[in-house]
Amino acid sequence: MEYTYEQLKHKTVAELREIAKGDDKEVVQGYTQMNKEHLIAALAKALGIKHEHHEVVGVDKASIKARIREMKKKRDEALSAHDSAQLKVARRTIHRLKRQIHKATV
């Protein structure tokens, strides 16, 4: 049976060990001693499953990340100058920009 990374992630350790039992690849040797995290990684490698990455749609991620880097510099300057008002503005702006990327992620 074909599995996706997400399907493996939602299975119990016992279910993952059953899947590993049927696979004779060297990658899953010692599956009875592995914890869930290591077992998922080994099974994904043995079954040729790639971890799916999310994509950002509808916004220019590179420009937002550049603005975040600028705001982090301003945040550090505000920290060293003990300017709490500027620090708050910088932190809120960074948070807002990160949320903008997060909301555009599919």
PDB file of N, CA and C in Angstrom:
ATOM      1  N   MET A   1       0.839  -1.185   0.000  1.00  0.00           N
ATOM      2  CA  MET A   1       0.000   0.000   0.000  1.00  0.00           C
ATOM      3  C   MET A   1       0.880   1.243   0.000  1.00  0.00           C
ATOM      4  N   GLU A   2       0.453   2.250  -0.731  1.00  0.00           N
ATOM      5  CA  GLU A   2       1.174   3.515  -0.807  1.00  0.00           C
ATOM      6  C   GLU A   2       0.751   4.426   0.350  1.00  0.00           C
ATOM      7  N   TYR A   3       1.731   5.038   1.002  1.00  0.00           N
ATOM      8  CA  TYR A   3       1.461   5.949   2.105  1.00  0.00           C
ATOM      9  C   TYR A   3       2.048   7.314   1.785  1.00  0.00           C
ATOM     10  N   THR A   4       1.447   8.334   2.360  1.00  0.00           N
ATOM     11  CA  THR A   4       2.028   9.668   2.294  1.00  0.00           C
ATOM     12  C   THR A   4       2.684   9.953   3.636  1.00  0.00           C
ATOM     13  N   TYR A   5       3.492  10.992   3.680  1.00  0.00           N
ATOM     14  CA  TYR A   5       4.164  11.359   4.920  1.00  0.00           C
ATOM     15  C   TYR A   5       3.138  11.694   6.007  1.00  0.00           C
ATOM     16  N   GLU A   6       2.081  12.391   5.620  1.00  0.00           N
ATOM     17  CA  GLU A   6       1.039  12.770   6.584  1.00  0.00           C
ATOM     18  C   GLU A   6       0.322  11.546   7.146  1.00  0.00           C
ATOM     19  N   GLN A   7       0.073  10.548   6.302  1.00  0.00           N
ATOM     20  CA  GLN A   7      -0.588   9.331   6.779  1.00  0.00           C
ATOM     21  C   GLN A   7       0.299   8.607   7.783  1.00  0.00           C
ATOM     22  N   LEU A   8       1.595   8.540   7.508  1.00  0.00           N
ATOM     23  CA  LEU A   8       2.514   7.895   8.446  1.00  0.00           C
ATOM     24  C   LEU A   8       2.555   8.656   9.764  1.00  0.00           C
ATOM     25  N   LYS A   9       2.527   9.975   9.680  1.00  0.00           N
ATOM     26  CA  LYS A   9       2.606  10.812  10.869  1.00  0.00           C
ATOM     27  C   LYS A   9       1.410  10.608  11.802  1.00  0.00           C
ATOM     28  N   HIS A  10       0.249  10.268  11.235  1.00  0.00           N
ATOM     29  CA  HIS A  10      -0.953  10.118  12.037  1.00  0.00           C
ATOM     30  C   HIS A  10      -1.174   8.687  12.532  1.00  0.00           C
ATOM     31  N   LYS A  11      -0.289   7.780  12.196  1.00  0.00           N
ATOM     32  CA  LYS A  11      -0.424   6.400  12.662  1.00  0.00           C
ATOM     33  C   LYS A  11       0.235   6.240  14.030  1.00  0.00           C
ATOM     34  N   THR A  12      -0.183   5.202  14.746  1.00  0.00           N
ATOM     35  CA  THR A  12       0.419   4.911  16.042  1.00  0.00           C
ATOM     36  C   THR A  12       1.747   4.189  15.820  1.00  0.00           C
ATOM     37  N   VAL A  13       2.541   4.102  16.881  1.00  0.00           N
ATOM     38  CA  VAL A  13       3.828   3.416  16.797  1.00  0.00           C
ATOM     39  C   VAL A  13       3.618   1.941  16.440  1.00  0.00           C
ATOM     40  N   ALA A  14       2.587   1.332  17.002  1.00  0.00           N
ATOM     41  CA  ALA A  14       2.299  -0.070  16.702  1.00  0.00           C
ATOM     42  C   ALA A  14       1.972  -0.270  15.221  1.00  0.00           C
ATOM     43  N   GLU A  15       1.186   0.631  14.658  1.00  0.00           N
ATOM     44  CA  GLU A  15       0.850   0.543  13.237  1.00  0.00           C
ATOM     45  C   GLU A  15       2.086   0.750  12.364  1.00  0.00           C
ATOM     46  N   LEU A  16       2.945   1.674  12.771  1.00  0.00           N
ATOM     47  CA  LEU A  16       4.172   1.917  12.021  1.00  0.00           C
ATOM     48  C   LEU A  16       5.091   0.704  12.067  1.00  0.00           C
ATOM     49  N   ARG A  17       5.154   0.052  13.215  1.00  0.00           N
ATOM     50  CA  ARG A  17       5.990  -1.151  13.339  1.00  0.00           C
ATOM     51  C   ARG A  17       5.460  -2.290  12.485  1.00  0.00           C
ATOM     52  N   GLU A  18       4.137  -2.377  12.345  1.00  0.00           N
ATOM     53  CA  GLU A  18       3.551  -3.390  11.469  1.00  0.00           C
ATOM     54  C   GLU A  18       3.942  -3.139  10.012  1.00  0.00           C
ATOM     55  N   ILE A  19       3.936  -1.880   9.622  1.00  0.00           N
ATOM     56  CA  ILE A  19       4.344  -1.533   8.263  1.00  0.00           C
ATOM     57  C   ILE A  19       5.825  -1.876   8.068  1.00  0.00           C
ATOM     58  N   ALA A  20       6.648  -1.566   9.066  1.00  0.00           N
ATOM     59  CA  ALA A  20       8.086  -1.828   8.979  1.00  0.00           C
ATOM     60  C   ALA A  20       8.382  -3.322   8.965  1.00  0.00           C
ATOM     61  N   LYS A  21       7.534  -4.107   9.632  1.00  0.00           N
ATOM     62  CA  LYS A  21       7.743  -5.551   9.686  1.00  0.00           C
ATOM     63  C   LYS A  21       7.686  -6.158   8.281  1.00  0.00           C
ATOM     64  N   GLY A  22       6.813  -5.637   7.451  1.00  0.00           N
ATOM     65  CA  GLY A  22       6.660  -6.155   6.097  1.00  0.00           C
ATOM     66  C   GLY A  22       7.746  -5.687   5.142  1.00  0.00           C
ATOM     67  N   ASP A  23       8.555  -4.728   5.544  1.00  0.00           N
ATOM     68  CA  ASP A  23       9.599  -4.189   4.679  1.00  0.00           C
ATOM     69  C   ASP A  23      10.944  -4.769   5.099  1.00  0.00           C
ATOM     70  N   ASP A  24      11.677  -5.364   4.161  1.00  0.00           N
ATOM     71  CA  ASP A  24      12.951  -5.996   4.508  1.00  0.00           C
ATOM     72  C   ASP A  24      14.165  -5.126   4.189  1.00  0.00           C
ATOM     73  N   LYS A  25      13.948  -3.843   3.990  1.00  0.00           N
ATOM     74  CA  LYS A  25      15.055  -2.931   3.689  1.00  0.00           C
ATOM     75  C   LYS A  25      15.922  -2.736   4.933  1.00  0.00           C
ATOM     76  N   GLU A  26      17.181  -2.468   4.706  1.00  0.00           N
ATOM     77  CA  GLU A  26      18.131  -2.291   5.794  1.00  0.00           C
ATOM     78  C   GLU A  26      17.842  -1.037   6.620  1.00  0.00           C
ATOM     79  N   VAL A  27      17.163  -0.069   6.003  1.00  0.00           N
ATOM     80  CA  VAL A  27      16.871   1.204   6.675  1.00  0.00           C
ATOM     81  C   VAL A  27      15.985   0.991   7.899  1.00  0.00           C
ATOM     82  N   VAL A  28      15.068   0.034   7.821  1.00  0.00           N
ATOM     83  CA  VAL A  28      14.129  -0.178   8.929  1.00  0.00           C
ATOM     84  C   VAL A  28      14.552  -1.317   9.852  1.00  0.00           C
ATOM     85  N   GLN A  29      15.791  -1.768   9.748  1.00  0.00           N
ATOM     86  CA  GLN A  29      16.279  -2.779  10.678  1.00  0.00           C
ATOM     87  C   GLN A  29      16.300  -2.182  12.087  1.00  0.00           C
ATOM     88  N   GLY A  30      15.842  -2.937  13.047  1.00  0.00           N
ATOM     89  CA  GLY A  30      15.776  -2.451  14.422  1.00  0.00           C
ATOM     90  C   GLY A  30      14.543  -1.617  14.684  1.00  0.00           C
ATOM     91  N   TYR A  31      13.511  -1.800  13.871  1.00  0.00           N
ATOM     92  CA  TYR A  31      12.290  -0.994  14.006  1.00  0.00           C
ATOM     93  C   TYR A  31      11.610  -1.191  15.357  1.00  0.00           C
ATOM     94  N   THR A  32      11.824  -2.325  15.999  1.00  0.00           N
ATOM     95  CA  THR A  32      11.172  -2.565  17.289  1.00  0.00           C
ATOM     96  C   THR A  32      11.731  -1.664  18.388  1.00  0.00           C
ATOM     97  N   GLN A  33      12.938  -1.162  18.175  1.00  0.00           N
ATOM     98  CA  GLN A  33      13.572  -0.310  19.182  1.00  0.00           C
ATOM     99  C   GLN A  33      13.434   1.178  18.878  1.00  0.00           C
ATOM    100  N   MET A  34      12.882   1.518  17.717  1.00  0.00           N
ATOM    101  CA  MET A  34      12.792   2.926  17.310  1.00  0.00           C
ATOM    102  C   MET A  34      11.577   3.619  17.924  1.00  0.00           C
ATOM    103  N   ASN A  35      11.749   4.916  18.196  1.00  0.00           N
ATOM    104  CA  ASN A  35      10.591   5.702  18.617  1.00  0.00           C
ATOM    105  C   ASN A  35       9.862   6.192  17.362  1.00  0.00           C
ATOM    106  N   LYS A  36       8.751   6.844  17.532  1.00  0.00           N
ATOM    107  CA  LYS A  36       7.894   7.209  16.403  1.00  0.00           C
ATOM    108  C   LYS A  36       8.608   8.115  15.407  1.00  0.00           C
ATOM    109  N   GLU A  37       9.317   9.104  15.902  1.00  0.00           N
ATOM    110  CA  GLU A  37       9.997  10.054  15.031  1.00  0.00           C
ATOM    111  C   GLU A  37      11.007   9.359  14.124  1.00  0.00           C
ATOM    112  N   HIS A  38      11.841   8.494  14.707  1.00  0.00           N
ATOM    113  CA  HIS A  38      12.846   7.777  13.927  1.00  0.00           C
ATOM    114  C   HIS A  38      12.211   6.750  13.001  1.00  0.00           C
ATOM    115  N   LEU A  39      11.139   6.138  13.460  1.00  0.00           N
ATOM    116  CA  LEU A  39      10.448   5.136  12.657  1.00  0.00           C
ATOM    117  C   LEU A  39       9.819   5.762  11.413  1.00  0.00           C
ATOM    118  N   ILE A  40       9.219   6.932  11.568  1.00  0.00           N
ATOM    119  CA  ILE A  40       8.618   7.632  10.423  1.00  0.00           C
ATOM    120  C   ILE A  40       9.703   7.994   9.410  1.00  0.00           C
ATOM    121  N   ALA A  41      10.824   8.495   9.899  1.00  0.00           N
ATOM    122  CA  ALA A  41      11.916   8.873   9.000  1.00  0.00           C
ATOM    123  C   ALA A  41      12.453   7.656   8.253  1.00  0.00           C
ATOM    124  N   ALA A  42      12.632   6.547   8.947  1.00  0.00           N
ATOM    125  CA  ALA A  42      13.153   5.331   8.323  1.00  0.00           C
ATOM    126  C   ALA A  42      12.166   4.769   7.301  1.00  0.00           C
ATOM    127  N   LEU A  43      10.893   4.749   7.660  1.00  0.00           N
ATOM    128  CA  LEU A  43       9.880   4.243   6.731  1.00  0.00           C
ATOM    129  C   LEU A  43       9.763   5.136   5.499  1.00  0.00           C
ATOM    130  N   ALA A  44       9.815   6.434   5.709  1.00  0.00           N
ATOM    131  CA  ALA A  44       9.727   7.357   4.580  1.00  0.00           C
ATOM    132  C   ALA A  44      10.893   7.131   3.625  1.00  0.00           C
ATOM    133  N   LYS A  45      12.070   6.907   4.170  1.00  0.00           N
ATOM    134  CA  LYS A  45      13.246   6.659   3.338  1.00  0.00           C
ATOM    135  C   LYS A  45      13.118   5.315   2.620  1.00  0.00           C
ATOM    136  N   ALA A  46      12.651   4.283   3.322  1.00  0.00           N
ATOM    137  CA  ALA A  46      12.520   2.948   2.737  1.00  0.00           C
ATOM    138  C   ALA A  46      11.443   2.913   1.655  1.00  0.00           C
ATOM    139  N   LEU A  47      10.356   3.647   1.871  1.00  0.00           N
ATOM    140  CA  LEU A  47       9.243   3.638   0.921  1.00  0.00           C
ATOM    141  C   LEU A  47       9.383   4.702  -0.163  1.00  0.00           C
ATOM    142  N   GLY A  48      10.432   5.527  -0.060  1.00  0.00           N
ATOM    143  CA  GLY A  48      10.647   6.563  -1.067  1.00  0.00           C
ATOM    144  C   GLY A  48       9.675   7.714  -0.975  1.00  0.00           C
ATOM    145  N   ILE A  49       9.244   8.023   0.235  1.00  0.00           N
ATOM    146  CA  ILE A  49       8.287   9.106   0.451  1.00  0.00           C
ATOM    147  C   ILE A  49       9.054  10.387   0.762  1.00  0.00           C
ATOM    148  N   LYS A  50       8.751  11.432   0.042  1.00  0.00           N
ATOM    149  CA  LYS A  50       9.363  12.731   0.286  1.00  0.00           C
ATOM    150  C   LYS A  50       8.422  13.553   1.161  1.00  0.00           C
ATOM    151  N   HIS A  51       9.013  14.323   2.067  1.00  0.00           N
ATOM    152  CA  HIS A  51       8.217  15.210   2.912  1.00  0.00           C
ATOM    153  C   HIS A  51       7.675  16.336   2.044  1.00  0.00           C
ATOM    154  N   GLU A  52       6.392  16.563   2.125  1.00  0.00           N
ATOM    155  CA  GLU A  52       5.762  17.596   1.303  1.00  0.00           C
ATOM    156  C   GLU A  52       5.975  18.967   1.933  1.00  0.00           C
ATOM    157  N   HIS A  53       6.446  19.888   1.109  1.00  0.00           N
ATOM    158  CA  HIS A  53       6.656  21.249   1.580  1.00  0.00           C
ATOM    159  C   HIS A  53       5.450  22.103   1.215  1.00  0.00           C
ATOM    160  N   HIS A  54       5.198  23.084   2.030  1.00  0.00           N
ATOM    161  CA  HIS A  54       4.084  23.989   1.779  1.00  0.00           C
ATOM    162  C   HIS A  54       4.543  25.119   0.868  1.00  0.00           C
ATOM    163  N   GLU A  55       3.620  25.677   0.141  1.00  0.00           N
ATOM    164  CA  GLU A  55       3.921  26.785  -0.751  1.00  0.00           C
ATOM    165  C   GLU A  55       3.186  28.032  -0.301  1.00  0.00           C
ATOM    166  N   VAL A  56       3.817  29.178  -0.521  1.00  0.00           N
ATOM    167  CA  VAL A  56       3.192  30.463  -0.224  1.00  0.00           C
ATOM    168  C   VAL A  56       2.582  30.977  -1.526  1.00  0.00           C
ATOM    169  N   VAL A  57       1.288  31.269  -1.484  1.00  0.00           N
ATOM    170  CA  VAL A  57       0.562  31.686  -2.678  1.00  0.00           C
ATOM    171  C   VAL A  57      -0.050  33.065  -2.447  1.00  0.00           C
ATOM    172  N   GLY A  58       0.097  33.941  -3.429  1.00  0.00           N
ATOM    173  CA  GLY A  58      -0.581  35.227  -3.384  1.00  0.00           C
ATOM    174  C   GLY A  58       0.204  36.377  -2.791  1.00  0.00           C
ATOM    175  N   VAL A  59       1.369  36.117  -2.220  1.00  0.00           N
ATOM    176  CA  VAL A  59       2.200  37.194  -1.680  1.00  0.00           C
ATOM    177  C   VAL A  59       3.645  36.968  -2.129  1.00  0.00           C
ATOM    178  N   ASP A  60       4.434  38.025  -2.098  1.00  0.00           N
ATOM    179  CA  ASP A  60       5.850  37.926  -2.441  1.00  0.00           C
ATOM    180  C   ASP A  60       6.629  37.627  -1.163  1.00  0.00           C
ATOM    181  N   LYS A  61       6.914  36.342  -0.949  1.00  0.00           N
ATOM    182  CA  LYS A  61       7.550  35.899   0.282  1.00  0.00           C
ATOM    183  C   LYS A  61       8.934  36.522   0.458  1.00  0.00           C
ATOM    184  N   ALA A  62       9.686  36.646  -0.622  1.00  0.00           N
ATOM    185  CA  ALA A  62      11.047  37.187  -0.536  1.00  0.00           C
ATOM    186  C   ALA A  62      11.049  38.623  -0.021  1.00  0.00           C
ATOM    187  N   SER A  63      10.126  39.447  -0.511  1.00  0.00           N
ATOM    188  CA  SER A  63      10.099  40.842  -0.060  1.00  0.00           C
ATOM    189  C   SER A  63       9.636  40.936   1.395  1.00  0.00           C
ATOM    190  N   ILE A  64       8.702  40.090   1.782  1.00  0.00           N
ATOM    191  CA  ILE A  64       8.241  40.092   3.176  1.00  0.00           C
ATOM    192  C   ILE A  64       9.377  39.662   4.098  1.00  0.00           C
ATOM    193  N   LYS A  65      10.134  38.630   3.690  1.00  0.00           N
ATOM    194  CA  LYS A  65      11.262  38.173   4.508  1.00  0.00           C
ATOM    195  C   LYS A  65      12.324  39.266   4.623  1.00  0.00           C
ATOM    196  N   ALA A  66      12.529  40.034   3.547  1.00  0.00           N
ATOM    197  CA  ALA A  66      13.489  41.143   3.587  1.00  0.00           C
ATOM    198  C   ALA A  66      13.030  42.207   4.583  1.00  0.00           C
ATOM    199  N   ARG A  67      11.734  42.491   4.574  1.00  0.00           N
ATOM    200  CA  ARG A  67      11.186  43.474   5.528  1.00  0.00           C
ATOM    201  C   ARG A  67      11.314  42.969   6.962  1.00  0.00           C
ATOM    202  N   ILE A  68      11.135  41.666   7.161  1.00  0.00           N
ATOM    203  CA  ILE A  68      11.294  41.089   8.500  1.00  0.00           C
ATOM    204  C   ILE A  68      12.737  41.271   8.971  1.00  0.00           C
ATOM    205  N   ARG A  69      13.706  41.017   8.079  1.00  0.00           N
ATOM    206  CA  ARG A  69      15.117  41.200   8.449  1.00  0.00           C
ATOM    207  C   ARG A  69      15.402  42.652   8.830  1.00  0.00           C
ATOM    208  N   GLU A  70      14.839  43.597   8.078  1.00  0.00           N
ATOM    209  CA  GLU A  70      15.009  45.019   8.407  1.00  0.00           C
ATOM    210  C   GLU A  70      14.425  45.334   9.781  1.00  0.00           C
ATOM    211  N   MET A  71      13.237  44.802  10.033  1.00  0.00           N
ATOM    212  CA  MET A  71      12.579  45.070  11.320  1.00  0.00           C
ATOM    213  C   MET A  71      13.343  44.425  12.473  1.00  0.00           C
ATOM    214  N   LYS A  72      13.983  43.301  12.230  1.00  0.00           N
ATOM    215  CA  LYS A  72      14.781  42.672  13.282  1.00  0.00           C
ATOM    216  C   LYS A  72      15.981  43.541  13.637  1.00  0.00           C
ATOM    217  N   LYS A  73      16.565  44.205  12.641  1.00  0.00           N
ATOM    218  CA  LYS A  73      17.667  45.133  12.914  1.00  0.00           C
ATOM    219  C   LYS A  73      17.164  46.304  13.749  1.00  0.00           C
ATOM    220  N   LYS A  74      15.984  46.843  13.392  1.00  0.00           N
ATOM    221  CA  LYS A  74      15.407  47.946  14.168  1.00  0.00           C
ATOM    222  C   LYS A  74      15.058  47.496  15.586  1.00  0.00           C
ATOM    223  N   ARG A  75      14.586  46.248  15.701  1.00  0.00           N
ATOM    224  CA  ARG A  75      14.271  45.706  17.024  1.00  0.00           C
ATOM    225  C   ARG A  75      15.526  45.636  17.881  1.00  0.00           C
ATOM    226  N   ASP A  76      16.630  45.151  17.294  1.00  0.00           N
ATOM    227  CA  ASP A  76      17.883  45.064  18.042  1.00  0.00           C
ATOM    228  C   ASP A  76      18.400  46.443  18.454  1.00  0.00           C
ATOM    229  N   GLU A  77      18.241  47.417  17.554  1.00  0.00           N
ATOM    230  CA  GLU A  77      18.641  48.788  17.884  1.00  0.00           C
ATOM    231  C   GLU A  77      17.795  49.329  19.032  1.00  0.00           C
ATOM    232  N   ALA A  78      16.501  49.066  18.992  1.00  0.00           N
ATOM    233  CA  ALA A  78      15.605  49.542  20.051  1.00  0.00           C
ATOM    234  C   ALA A  78      15.940  48.869  21.379  1.00  0.00           C
ATOM    235  N   LEU A  79      16.317  47.595  21.319  1.00  0.00           N
ATOM    236  CA  LEU A  79      16.706  46.887  22.542  1.00  0.00           C
ATOM    237  C   LEU A  79      17.955  47.507  23.165  1.00  0.00           C
ATOM    238  N   SER A  80      18.942  47.779  22.326  1.00  0.00           N
ATOM    239  CA  SER A  80      20.179  48.351  22.869  1.00  0.00           C
ATOM    240  C   SER A  80      19.986  49.792  23.341  1.00  0.00           C
ATOM    241  N   ALA A  81      19.033  50.518  22.726  1.00  0.00           N
ATOM    242  CA  ALA A  81      18.761  51.902  23.126  1.00  0.00           C
ATOM    243  C   ALA A  81      17.734  51.983  24.261  1.00  0.00           C
ATOM    244  N   HIS A  82      17.184  50.845  24.670  1.00  0.00           N
ATOM    245  CA  HIS A  82      16.161  50.785  25.724  1.00  0.00           C
ATOM    246  C   HIS A  82      14.940  51.630  25.376  1.00  0.00           C
ATOM    247  N   ASP A  83      14.575  51.620  24.092  1.00  0.00           N
ATOM    248  CA  ASP A  83      13.413  52.369  23.606  1.00  0.00           C
ATOM    249  C   ASP A  83      12.238  51.399  23.492  1.00  0.00           C
ATOM    250  N   SER A  84      11.408  51.351  24.522  1.00  0.00           N
ATOM    251  CA  SER A  84      10.327  50.362  24.570  1.00  0.00           C
ATOM    252  C   SER A  84       9.246  50.610  23.531  1.00  0.00           C
ATOM    253  N   ALA A  85       9.010  51.863  23.184  1.00  0.00           N
ATOM    254  CA  ALA A  85       7.979  52.164  22.187  1.00  0.00           C
ATOM    255  C   ALA A  85       8.389  51.634  20.816  1.00  0.00           C
ATOM    256  N   GLN A  86       9.629  51.910  20.415  1.00  0.00           N
ATOM    257  CA  GLN A  86      10.125  51.416  19.128  1.00  0.00           C
ATOM    258  C   GLN A  86      10.231  49.892  19.135  1.00  0.00           C
ATOM    259  N   LEU A  87      10.586  49.344  20.271  1.00  0.00           N
ATOM    260  CA  LEU A  87      10.685  47.893  20.404  1.00  0.00           C
ATOM    261  C   LEU A  87       9.333  47.233  20.167  1.00  0.00           C
ATOM    262  N   LYS A  88       8.298  47.820  20.747  1.00  0.00           N
ATOM    263  CA  LYS A  88       6.948  47.286  20.577  1.00  0.00           C
ATOM    264  C   LYS A  88       6.504  47.363  19.124  1.00  0.00           C
ATOM    265  N   VAL A  89       6.787  48.476  18.474  1.00  0.00           N
ATOM    266  CA  VAL A  89       6.415  48.648  17.064  1.00  0.00           C
ATOM    267  C   VAL A  89       7.132  47.607  16.210  1.00  0.00           C
ATOM    268  N   ALA A  90       8.414  47.423  16.452  1.00  0.00           N
ATOM    269  CA  ALA A  90       9.196  46.474  15.657  1.00  0.00           C
ATOM    270  C   ALA A  90       8.684  45.046  15.857  1.00  0.00           C
ATOM    271  N   ARG A  91       8.437  44.681  17.105  1.00  0.00           N
ATOM    272  CA  ARG A  91       7.955  43.318  17.384  1.00  0.00           C
ATOM    273  C   ARG A  91       6.584  43.065  16.763  1.00  0.00           C
ATOM    274  N   ARG A  92       5.697  44.012  16.864  1.00  0.00           N
ATOM    275  CA  ARG A  92       4.357  43.850  16.291  1.00  0.00           C
ATOM    276  C   ARG A  92       4.417  43.768  14.770  1.00  0.00           C
ATOM    277  N   THR A  93       5.300  44.561  14.162  1.00  0.00           N
ATOM    278  CA  THR A  93       5.445  44.526  12.711  1.00  0.00           C
ATOM    279  C   THR A  93       5.996  43.176  12.260  1.00  0.00           C
ATOM    280  N   ILE A  94       6.998  42.675  12.969  1.00  0.00           N
ATOM    281  CA  ILE A  94       7.547  41.349  12.647  1.00  0.00           C
ATOM    282  C   ILE A  94       6.461  40.292  12.766  1.00  0.00           C
ATOM    283  N   HIS A  95       5.696  40.367  13.828  1.00  0.00           N
ATOM    284  CA  HIS A  95       4.622  39.397  14.044  1.00  0.00           C
ATOM    285  C   HIS A  95       3.588  39.468  12.910  1.00  0.00           C
ATOM    286  N   ARG A  96       3.211  40.671  12.544  1.00  0.00           N
ATOM    287  CA  ARG A  96       2.217  40.855  11.485  1.00  0.00           C
ATOM    288  C   ARG A  96       2.720  40.311  10.153  1.00  0.00           C
ATOM    289  N   LEU A  97       3.985  40.546   9.841  1.00  0.00           N
ATOM    290  CA  LEU A  97       4.554  40.056   8.591  1.00  0.00           C
ATOM    291  C   LEU A  97       4.633  38.532   8.571  1.00  0.00           C
ATOM    292  N   LYS A  98       5.027  37.957   9.692  1.00  0.00           N
ATOM    293  CA  LYS A  98       5.082  36.495   9.768  1.00  0.00           C
ATOM    294  C   LYS A  98       3.689  35.887   9.615  1.00  0.00           C
ATOM    295  N   ARG A  99       2.711  36.496  10.217  1.00  0.00           N
ATOM    296  CA  ARG A  99       1.328  36.016  10.086  1.00  0.00           C
ATOM    297  C   ARG A  99       0.852  36.123   8.637  1.00  0.00           C
ATOM    298  N   GLN A 100       1.288  37.165   7.936  1.00  0.00           N
ATOM    299  CA  GLN A 100       0.917  37.346   6.543  1.00  0.00           C
ATOM    300  C   GLN A 100       1.452  36.174   5.697  1.00  0.00           C
ATOM    301  N   ILE A 101       2.687  35.773   5.956  1.00  0.00           N
ATOM    302  CA  ILE A 101       3.249  34.616   5.255  1.00  0.00           C
ATOM    303  C   ILE A 101       2.495  33.351   5.638  1.00  0.00           C
ATOM    304  N   HIS A 102       2.236  33.199   6.931  1.00  0.00           N
ATOM    305  CA  HIS A 102       1.552  31.993   7.413  1.00  0.00           C
ATOM    306  C   HIS A 102       0.166  31.834   6.803  1.00  0.00           C
ATOM    307  N   LYS A 103      -0.567  32.930   6.694  1.00  0.00           N
ATOM    308  CA  LYS A 103      -1.913  32.876   6.136  1.00  0.00           C
ATOM    309  C   LYS A 103      -1.904  32.539   4.646  1.00  0.00           C
ATOM    310  N   ALA A 104      -0.824  32.903   3.948  1.00  0.00           N
ATOM    311  CA  ALA A 104      -0.737  32.640   2.511  1.00  0.00           C
ATOM    312  C   ALA A 104      -0.188  31.246   2.199  1.00  0.00           C
ATOM    313  N   THR A 105       0.190  30.503   3.240  1.00  0.00           N
ATOM    314  CA  THR A 105       0.757  29.161   3.054  1.00  0.00           C
ATOM    315  C   THR A 105      -0.345  28.152   2.794  1.00  0.00           C
ATOM    316  N   VAL A 106      -0.126  27.330   1.771  1.00  0.00           N
ATOM    317  CA  VAL A 106      -1.114  26.296   1.420  1.00  0.00           C
ATOM    318  C   VAL A 106      -0.496  24.939   1.600  1.00  0.00           C
TER     319      VAL A 106
END
